[in-house]
Amino acid sequence: MFITVLQVALGGAIGASLRYMSGVAIFKLMGPGFPLGVLFVNILGSGIMGGLTVYLGQKGLSHLNPILMTGVLGGFTTFSAFSLEAYTLYERGAVGQAAIYVGLSVVLSLVALVAGVHLMRWVLA
């Protein structure tokens, strides 16, 4: 159990660092305003989650779930930050932007997850 917790912690540190670097890069490219960094990592992370779920399952590598799925992807995807960003937009009076942000995040993340599942099934076929 202790080794598994260490794997999750290591993966979480890696994922959170990748999320931070992605957010900084997107902020530098796009500037302040609409929270594109969080949107980007949620969509990308969901797509990777879909593909990784299929890959690890079919290859019998589920022992890597703690470090990769719970750790790295759990640290990388940011639905808690997403909630804060959506609420902040709402609080600022940008209700329309908040609604668009929530809709895009949820719908595109689900689409990316399904795409990741189907892509990996196609690659492994």
Protein backbone atom coordinates (compact mmCIF):
# COMPACT_ATOMS: atom_id res chain seq x y z
CA MET A 1 0.00 0.00 0.00
CA PHE A 2 2.79 2.45 0.89
CA ILE A 3 4.51 1.90 -2.48
CA THR A 4 1.22 2.53 -4.27
CA VAL A 5 0.76 5.79 -2.36
CA LEU A 6 4.28 6.82 -3.35
CA GLN A 7 3.48 6.03 -6.99
CA VAL A 8 0.35 8.19 -6.84
CA ALA A 9 2.30 10.99 -5.17
CA LEU A 10 5.10 10.87 -7.75
CA GLY A 11 2.63 10.75 -10.63
CA GLY A 12 0.61 13.58 -9.09
CA ALA A 13 3.71 15.76 -8.82
CA ILE A 14 4.54 15.08 -12.47
CA GLY A 15 0.97 15.76 -13.61
CA ALA A 16 0.62 18.93 -11.57
CA SER A 17 3.94 20.20 -12.91
CA LEU A 18 2.83 19.51 -16.48
CA ARG A 19 -0.47 21.29 -15.80
CA TYR A 20 1.35 24.30 -14.39
CA MET A 21 3.75 24.51 -17.33
CA SER A 22 0.85 24.18 -19.80
CA GLY A 23 -1.07 26.94 -18.05
CA VAL A 24 1.94 29.27 -18.04
CA ALA A 25 2.64 28.61 -21.72
CA ILE A 26 -0.96 29.22 -22.78
CA PHE A 27 -1.19 32.35 -20.61
CA LYS A 28 1.96 33.71 -22.26
CA LEU A 29 0.56 32.93 -25.71
CA MET A 30 -3.01 34.12 -25.20
CA GLY A 31 -2.89 36.54 -22.27
CA PRO A 32 -5.39 36.88 -19.42
CA GLY A 33 -9.13 36.43 -19.78
CA PHE A 34 -10.85 33.22 -20.75
CA PRO A 35 -9.24 30.30 -18.85
CA LEU A 36 -7.86 28.45 -21.87
CA GLY A 37 -5.10 26.70 -19.90
CA VAL A 38 -7.55 24.79 -17.74
CA LEU A 39 -9.78 24.06 -20.73
CA PHE A 40 -6.78 22.71 -22.66
CA VAL A 41 -5.56 20.35 -19.93
CA ASN A 42 -9.06 19.04 -19.20
CA ILE A 43 -9.64 18.16 -22.85
CA LEU A 44 -6.15 16.73 -23.42
CA GLY A 45 -6.18 14.84 -20.12
CA SER A 46 -9.57 13.33 -20.88
CA GLY A 47 -8.39 12.15 -24.29
CA ILE A 48 -5.28 10.60 -22.81
CA MET A 49 -7.38 9.00 -20.06
CA GLY A 50 -9.58 7.32 -22.66
CA GLY A 51 -6.67 5.95 -24.65
CA LEU A 52 -4.69 4.91 -21.59
CA THR A 53 -7.66 3.09 -20.09
CA VAL A 54 -7.94 0.89 -23.16
CA TYR A 55 -4.20 0.44 -23.61
CA LEU A 56 -3.40 -0.54 -20.02
CA GLY A 57 -6.43 -2.83 -19.87
CA GLN A 58 -5.69 -4.67 -23.09
CA LYS A 59 -1.96 -4.99 -22.40
CA GLY A 60 -2.47 -6.28 -18.84
CA LEU A 61 -0.69 -3.28 -17.37
CA SER A 62 -3.31 -2.22 -14.84
CA HIS A 63 -0.61 -2.21 -12.15
CA LEU A 64 0.44 1.14 -13.71
CA ASN A 65 -2.96 2.70 -12.97
CA PRO A 66 -1.90 4.29 -9.67
CA ILE A 67 1.04 6.22 -11.10
CA LEU A 68 -0.39 7.01 -14.54
CA MET A 69 -4.14 7.34 -14.16
CA THR A 70 -4.59 8.44 -10.56
CA GLY A 71 -1.23 10.20 -10.26
CA VAL A 72 -0.16 11.80 -13.52
CA LEU A 73 -3.58 12.35 -15.06
CA GLY A 74 -5.19 13.14 -11.71
CA GLY A 75 -2.56 15.81 -11.16
CA PHE A 76 -2.77 17.06 -14.75
CA THR A 77 -6.52 17.41 -15.21
CA THR A 78 -8.01 20.22 -13.25
CA PHE A 79 -11.71 19.96 -12.67
CA SER A 80 -11.34 21.58 -9.28
CA ALA A 81 -9.61 24.52 -10.94
CA PHE A 82 -12.28 24.35 -13.65
CA SER A 83 -14.99 24.81 -11.05
CA LEU A 84 -13.19 27.79 -9.55
CA GLU A 85 -12.67 29.41 -12.97
CA ALA A 86 -16.32 28.91 -13.93
CA TYR A 87 -17.49 30.40 -10.65
CA THR A 88 -15.05 33.31 -10.96
CA LEU A 89 -16.41 34.13 -14.42
CA TYR A 90 -19.93 33.95 -13.01
CA GLU A 91 -19.02 36.17 -10.06
CA ARG A 92 -17.51 38.76 -12.40
CA GLY A 93 -20.84 38.93 -14.19
CA ALA A 94 -19.61 37.02 -17.26
CA VAL A 95 -22.50 34.57 -17.03
CA GLY A 96 -22.49 33.84 -20.75
CA GLN A 97 -18.75 33.12 -20.76
CA ALA A 98 -19.17 30.93 -17.68
CA ALA A 99 -21.89 28.91 -19.41
CA ILE A 100 -19.79 28.54 -22.59
CA TYR A 101 -16.78 27.53 -20.50
CA VAL A 102 -18.72 24.86 -18.59
CA GLY A 103 -20.37 23.54 -21.75
CA LEU A 104 -17.14 23.38 -23.76
CA SER A 105 -15.22 21.77 -20.90
CA VAL A 106 -17.76 19.03 -20.28
CA VAL A 107 -18.76 18.24 -23.87
CA LEU A 108 -15.27 18.42 -25.43
CA SER A 109 -13.70 16.42 -22.58
CA LEU A 110 -16.25 13.66 -23.07
CA VAL A 111 -15.73 13.75 -26.85
CA ALA A 112 -11.94 13.58 -26.31
CA LEU A 113 -12.30 10.61 -23.96
CA VAL A 114 -14.45 8.71 -26.47
CA ALA A 115 -11.97 9.62 -29.24
CA GLY A 116 -9.09 8.34 -27.11
CA VAL A 117 -10.89 5.05 -26.46
CA HIS A 118 -11.69 4.52 -30.14
CA LEU A 119 -8.24 5.64 -31.32
CA MET A 120 -6.47 3.23 -28.98
CA ARG A 121 -8.81 0.38 -29.90
CA TRP A 122 -8.03 1.08 -33.57
CA VAL A 123 -4.26 1.26 -32.90
CA LEU A 124 -4.33 -2.01 -30.93
CA ALA A 125 -6.54 -3.86 -33.41
